[in-house]
Amino acid sequence: MKLYTISYLFKEGLRGLWKNRMMAFASIATIVLSLLVLGISYSIAQNFEYIISQVEIQMGITAYVSDVFSDQEIDSLKQTVENMANVVEVEYISKDDALKILAQGDTVLYEEFKDDNPLPASLEIKVAEVAHQADIVEKLLRVEGIEIDYFEAETDMFIDLNNRIQVFSGILIALLALIALLLITNTIKLTVFVRKKEIEIMKFIGATDSFIRIPFLVEGITIGIIGAIVPMFMIFKGYEFAIQELSGAFDMIFGGISLKSVEVIMMGLLPMYTGLAIGISVVGSIIAIHRHLKV
């Protein structure tokens, strides 16, 4: 096929898009609304999981160290814990540091303990996921001279909650993606069906299948691109605004808890939007045109 012919068919596709702009608008609106709902649901689900993962890290393990440990032994123990799988951070709290922390929260006890400090030194251990805490606790309990304190009941609760959220969000996003797929495909098919007579006339006067198909593919691709860009822009701006408004409140209420960045959310949505909007628009056009070419 000559370059001139390709250029002509491309222009015909754009002309057809403008000529049938009401149906094109309906297709674009369907894609935009479907992907917008999907994008909002995806963003919420991703942040639920992200918030839980941050809370999990903060729910650390405290390993109280006996006074019989020398500084060298404590350093060695700290290094051993740091090398354990799934350990994010290990902070050593000396007896004096523990007393200073107590002074900030309970001045009465501080006055009682300051001359004869009974508080033990400790290692504050942060784990990547609460699901790994039990394994780390089991390893620490093998070391003589330390006592373990961690949120055992809360850990089990968060493991169960995290699993439920992952399953629910996965099902919800898959369901919304399926609904979007059906809506987009049916709208594209309807767009082509409305122009059935036009296809039949072109076929009757001798136009090849490729000559008929390419303008419709151009329309489908254009509709898909516009349908993907619009909700992507809306999600980007809306999510950016939400982060600016909510980040301060999250930090104040939850202390150190943040939302996922705009870039991370967009990187997750980009392939999803591209596949659903452009891919389905093109495939839907091909399937619908193929039926009407059989005249």
Protein backbone atom coordinates (compact mmCIF):
# COMPACT_ATOMS: atom_id res chain seq x y z
CA MET A 1 0.00 0.00 0.00
CA LYS A 2 1.39 3.38 -1.06
CA LEU A 3 2.24 6.12 1.42
CA TYR A 4 -0.31 8.42 -0.26
CA THR A 5 -3.03 5.80 0.20
CA ILE A 6 -2.13 5.33 3.87
CA SER A 7 -2.19 9.11 4.38
CA TYR A 8 -5.58 9.30 2.64
CA LEU A 9 -7.05 6.50 4.76
CA PHE A 10 -5.70 8.10 7.93
CA LYS A 11 -7.38 11.39 7.01
CA GLU A 12 -10.57 9.50 6.16
CA GLY A 13 -10.49 7.98 9.61
CA LEU A 14 -10.26 11.41 11.23
CA ARG A 15 -12.99 12.76 8.93
CA GLY A 16 -15.20 9.82 9.84
CA LEU A 17 -14.55 10.53 13.50
CA TRP A 18 -15.68 14.14 13.08
CA LYS A 19 -18.60 13.18 10.83
CA ASN A 20 -19.88 10.75 13.44
CA ARG A 21 -18.75 12.84 16.38
CA MET A 22 -21.84 12.12 18.49
CA MET A 23 -21.19 8.38 18.45
CA ALA A 24 -17.47 9.03 18.88
CA PHE A 25 -18.24 11.23 21.88
CA ALA A 26 -20.43 8.47 23.34
CA SER A 27 -17.57 5.98 22.91
CA ILE A 28 -15.04 8.35 24.49
CA ALA A 29 -17.41 9.20 27.36
CA THR A 30 -17.95 5.49 28.06
CA ILE A 31 -14.22 4.84 28.10
CA VAL A 32 -13.50 7.90 30.27
CA LEU A 33 -16.18 7.07 32.86
CA SER A 34 -15.23 3.38 32.98
CA LEU A 35 -11.53 4.08 33.40
CA LEU A 36 -12.15 6.92 35.85
CA VAL A 37 -14.08 4.62 38.22
CA LEU A 38 -11.43 1.94 37.73
CA GLY A 39 -8.61 4.43 38.39
CA ILE A 40 -10.19 5.79 41.57
CA SER A 41 -10.80 2.27 42.89
CA TYR A 42 -7.24 1.25 42.01
CA SER A 43 -5.78 4.32 43.78
CA ILE A 44 -7.81 3.69 46.94
CA ALA A 45 -6.93 -0.02 47.02
CA GLN A 46 -3.22 0.68 46.48
CA ASN A 47 -3.15 3.21 49.31
CA PHE A 48 -5.00 0.92 51.72
CA GLU A 49 -2.32 -1.71 51.18
CA TYR A 50 0.45 0.92 51.40
CA ILE A 51 -0.87 2.36 54.68
CA ILE A 52 -1.14 -1.11 56.21
CA SER A 53 2.42 -1.92 55.13
CA GLN A 54 3.66 1.26 56.88
CA VAL A 55 1.72 0.43 60.03
CA GLU A 56 3.19 -3.07 59.91
CA ILE A 57 6.73 -1.65 59.88
CA GLN A 58 5.95 0.58 62.87
CA MET A 59 4.62 -2.44 64.80
CA GLY A 60 8.12 -3.57 65.58
CA ILE A 61 9.73 -6.05 67.95
CA THR A 62 11.45 -4.99 71.17
CA ALA A 63 14.29 -7.24 72.35
CA TYR A 64 15.27 -6.36 75.95
CA VAL A 65 18.95 -7.02 76.56
CA SER A 66 20.26 -8.31 79.90
CA ASP A 67 22.78 -6.18 81.81
CA VAL A 68 25.28 -9.03 81.57
CA PHE A 69 25.83 -8.26 77.87
CA SER A 70 28.99 -6.30 77.12
CA ASP A 71 29.01 -3.49 74.55
CA GLN A 72 30.85 -5.77 72.13
CA GLU A 73 28.24 -8.53 72.56
CA ILE A 74 25.43 -6.04 72.03
CA ASP A 75 27.06 -4.76 68.82
CA SER A 76 27.45 -8.34 67.62
CA LEU A 77 23.81 -9.13 68.44
CA LYS A 78 22.65 -5.96 66.67
CA GLN A 79 24.61 -6.89 63.55
CA THR A 80 23.20 -10.42 63.63
CA VAL A 81 19.64 -9.10 63.78
CA GLU A 82 20.31 -6.58 60.99
CA ASN A 83 21.42 -9.46 58.76
CA MET A 84 18.20 -11.40 59.33
CA ALA A 85 15.85 -11.63 56.34
CA ASN A 86 12.99 -9.09 56.27
CA VAL A 87 14.52 -6.86 58.97
CA VAL A 88 14.25 -3.23 57.87
CA GLU A 89 15.91 -1.39 60.75
CA VAL A 90 17.49 -2.10 64.14
CA GLU A 91 17.97 0.67 66.71
CA TYR A 92 19.87 0.20 69.98
CA ILE A 93 18.31 1.93 73.00
CA SER A 94 20.72 2.06 75.95
CA LYS A 95 19.60 2.12 79.60
CA ASP A 96 20.23 5.88 79.72
CA ASP A 97 18.29 6.42 76.49
CA ALA A 98 15.39 4.40 77.89
CA LEU A 99 15.37 6.60 81.01
CA LYS A 100 15.31 9.77 78.88
CA ILE A 101 12.37 8.40 76.89
CA LEU A 102 10.57 7.60 80.17
CA ALA A 103 11.17 11.17 81.39
CA GLN A 104 9.26 12.51 78.39
CA GLY A 105 6.19 10.41 79.17
CA ASP A 106 6.15 9.86 82.94
CA THR A 107 8.01 12.36 85.13
CA VAL A 108 6.93 10.63 88.36
CA LEU A 109 8.57 7.33 87.43
CA TYR A 110 11.57 9.19 86.09
CA GLU A 111 12.17 10.82 89.48
CA GLU A 112 11.88 7.40 91.10
CA PHE A 113 14.25 5.66 88.67
CA LYS A 114 16.84 8.35 87.92
CA ASP A 115 19.22 7.48 90.77
CA ASP A 116 18.95 3.71 90.30
CA ASN A 117 17.94 2.98 86.71
CA PRO A 118 16.21 -0.44 86.47
CA LEU A 119 15.29 -0.06 82.80
CA PRO A 120 16.98 -2.54 80.45
CA ALA A 121 18.73 -1.71 77.21
CA SER A 122 16.88 -2.89 74.13
CA LEU A 123 16.96 -3.41 70.38
CA GLU A 124 14.01 -1.86 68.54
CA ILE A 125 13.49 -4.00 65.44
CA LYS A 126 11.35 -3.01 62.46
CA VAL A 127 10.22 -5.75 60.09
CA ALA A 128 9.19 -5.40 56.44
CA GLU A 129 5.88 -7.23 56.97
CA VAL A 130 4.17 -8.42 60.14
CA ALA A 131 3.83 -11.85 58.54
CA HIS A 132 7.59 -12.29 59.10
CA GLN A 133 7.59 -11.23 62.77
CA ALA A 134 6.93 -14.70 64.15
CA ASP A 135 9.98 -16.14 62.36
CA ILE A 136 12.24 -13.36 63.65
CA VAL A 137 10.87 -13.68 67.19
CA GLU A 138 11.53 -17.42 67.09
CA LYS A 139 15.18 -16.80 66.15
CA LEU A 140 15.61 -14.14 68.85
CA LEU A 141 14.20 -16.40 71.56
CA ARG A 142 17.09 -18.79 70.95
CA VAL A 143 19.49 -16.14 72.28
CA GLU A 144 20.00 -16.36 76.05
CA GLY A 145 19.77 -13.14 78.02
CA ILE A 146 17.10 -11.32 76.01
CA GLU A 147 13.33 -10.99 76.43
CA ILE A 148 10.95 -10.31 73.55
CA ASP A 149 7.96 -7.99 73.47
CA TYR A 150 5.87 -7.54 70.34
CA PHE A 151 2.27 -7.01 69.23
CA GLU A 152 1.36 -10.67 68.81
CA ALA A 153 -2.44 -10.28 68.72
CA GLU A 154 -2.24 -7.14 66.59
CA THR A 155 0.15 -8.92 64.22
CA ASP A 156 -2.34 -11.72 63.60
CA MET A 157 -5.10 -9.14 63.08
CA PHE A 158 -3.06 -7.18 60.52
CA ILE A 159 -2.07 -10.33 58.63
CA ASP A 160 -5.75 -11.27 58.33
CA LEU A 161 -6.78 -7.69 57.42
CA ASN A 162 -4.06 -7.36 54.80
CA ASN A 163 -5.04 -10.66 53.18
CA ARG A 164 -8.70 -9.65 53.10
CA ILE A 165 -7.93 -6.25 51.56
CA GLN A 166 -5.69 -7.78 48.89
CA VAL A 167 -8.37 -10.31 47.91
CA PHE A 168 -11.18 -7.72 47.97
CA SER A 169 -9.24 -5.08 46.02
CA GLY A 170 -8.09 -7.68 43.49
CA ILE A 171 -11.66 -8.89 42.89
CA LEU A 172 -13.02 -5.31 42.76
CA ILE A 173 -10.42 -4.10 40.26
CA ALA A 174 -10.85 -7.22 38.11
CA LEU A 175 -14.64 -6.76 38.15
CA LEU A 176 -14.40 -3.07 37.24
CA ALA A 177 -11.91 -3.88 34.49
CA LEU A 178 -14.35 -6.49 33.10
CA ILE A 179 -17.24 -4.01 33.22
CA ALA A 180 -15.08 -1.39 31.49
CA LEU A 181 -14.10 -3.95 28.85
CA LEU A 182 -17.75 -4.86 28.12
CA LEU A 183 -18.92 -1.24 28.02
CA ILE A 184 -16.11 -0.12 25.74
CA THR A 185 -16.46 -3.10 23.38
CA ASN A 186 -20.24 -2.74 23.07
CA THR A 187 -20.00 1.00 22.44
CA ILE A 188 -17.40 0.49 19.70
CA LYS A 189 -19.58 -2.22 18.13
CA LEU A 190 -22.58 0.12 18.21
CA THR A 191 -20.53 2.86 16.54
CA VAL A 192 -19.63 0.53 13.67
CA PHE A 193 -23.17 -0.90 13.43
CA VAL A 194 -24.63 2.59 12.93
CA ARG A 195 -22.40 2.87 9.85
CA LYS A 196 -23.22 -0.58 8.50
CA LYS A 197 -24.79 0.86 5.33
CA GLU A 198 -21.65 2.92 4.65
CA ILE A 199 -19.49 -0.22 4.87
CA GLU A 200 -21.84 -2.17 2.60
CA ILE A 201 -21.77 0.56 -0.08
CA MET A 202 -17.95 0.73 -0.01
CA LYS A 203 -17.79 -3.06 -0.29
CA PHE A 204 -20.32 -3.05 -3.15
CA ILE A 205 -18.30 -0.58 -5.27
CA GLY A 206 -15.18 -2.73 -4.96
CA ALA A 207 -13.24 -1.33 -2.00
CA THR A 208 -10.84 -3.85 -0.47
CA ASP A 209 -11.24 -5.02 3.12
CA SER A 210 -8.05 -3.17 4.12
CA PHE A 211 -9.28 0.04 2.48
CA ILE A 212 -12.50 -0.16 4.51
CA ARG A 213 -10.90 -1.37 7.73
CA ILE A 214 -8.02 1.14 8.16
CA PRO A 215 -10.16 4.31 8.62
CA PHE A 216 -12.19 2.51 11.29
CA LEU A 217 -8.99 1.40 13.01
CA VAL A 218 -7.76 5.00 12.96
CA GLU A 219 -11.04 6.03 14.58
CA GLY A 220 -10.74 3.25 17.16
CA ILE A 221 -7.15 4.14 18.04
CA THR A 222 -7.99 7.87 18.27
CA ILE A 223 -11.01 7.18 20.47
CA GLY A 224 -8.88 4.90 22.65
CA ILE A 225 -6.06 7.43 23.02
CA ILE A 226 -8.43 10.26 23.96
CA GLY A 227 -10.37 7.92 26.25
CA ALA A 228 -7.14 6.98 28.06
CA ILE A 229 -5.57 10.46 28.27
CA VAL A 230 -8.62 12.21 29.75
CA PRO A 231 -9.10 9.95 32.83
CA MET A 232 -5.32 9.72 33.28
CA PHE A 233 -5.15 13.52 33.48
CA MET A 234 -8.17 13.67 35.80
CA ILE A 235 -6.74 11.02 38.14
CA PHE A 236 -3.33 12.75 38.09
CA LYS A 237 -4.74 16.15 39.05
CA GLY A 238 -7.28 14.75 41.50
CA TYR A 239 -4.75 12.50 43.23
CA GLU A 240 -2.18 15.31 43.34
CA PHE A 241 -4.77 17.53 45.04
CA ALA A 242 -5.73 14.74 47.47
CA ILE A 243 -2.11 14.23 48.51
CA GLN A 244 -1.62 17.95 49.14
CA GLU A 245 -4.78 18.10 51.25
CA LEU A 246 -4.44 14.81 53.13
CA SER A 247 -0.69 14.35 53.67
CA GLY A 248 -0.53 16.81 56.57
CA ALA A 249 -3.58 15.28 58.23
CA PHE A 250 -2.25 11.73 57.82
CA ASP A 251 1.10 12.72 59.33
CA MET A 252 -0.58 14.51 62.25
CA ILE A 253 -3.09 11.75 63.03
CA PHE A 254 -1.07 8.62 62.25
CA GLY A 255 2.49 9.90 62.66
CA GLY A 256 4.75 9.14 59.71
CA ILE A 257 2.06 7.47 57.59
CA SER A 258 2.01 8.72 54.01
CA LEU A 259 0.15 8.05 50.77
CA LYS A 260 1.67 6.62 47.60
CA SER A 261 3.22 9.20 45.30
CA VAL A 262 1.46 10.36 42.14
CA GLU A 263 4.24 8.85 40.02
CA VAL A 264 3.78 5.36 41.52
CA ILE A 265 0.00 5.42 40.99
CA MET A 266 0.38 6.68 37.41
CA MET A 267 2.95 3.99 36.58
CA GLY A 268 0.43 1.39 37.70
CA LEU A 269 -2.47 2.93 35.77
CA LEU A 270 -0.60 3.59 32.52
CA PRO A 271 -0.39 -0.03 31.25
CA MET A 272 -3.90 -0.74 32.53
CA TYR A 273 -5.39 2.27 30.75
CA THR A 274 -3.40 1.62 27.59
CA GLY A 275 -4.54 -1.98 27.40
CA LEU A 276 -8.19 -1.32 28.18
CA ALA A 277 -8.73 1.90 26.22
CA ILE A 278 -6.56 1.59 23.12
CA GLY A 279 -6.35 -2.20 22.97
CA ILE A 280 -10.07 -2.83 23.37
CA SER A 281 -11.00 0.03 21.03
CA VAL A 282 -8.84 -1.45 18.28
CA VAL A 283 -9.90 -5.07 18.88
CA GLY A 284 -13.56 -4.04 19.17
CA SER A 285 -13.34 -2.15 15.88
CA ILE A 286 -11.69 -5.10 14.11
CA ILE A 287 -14.31 -7.58 15.36
CA ALA A 288 -17.24 -5.31 14.53
CA ILE A 289 -15.93 -4.39 11.05
CA HIS A 290 -15.12 -8.02 10.26
CA ARG A 291 -18.78 -8.96 10.70
CA HIS A 292 -19.99 -6.22 8.37
CA LEU A 293 -17.38 -6.98 5.72
CA LYS A 294 -19.11 -10.30 5.08
CA VAL A 295 -21.65 -8.98 2.58
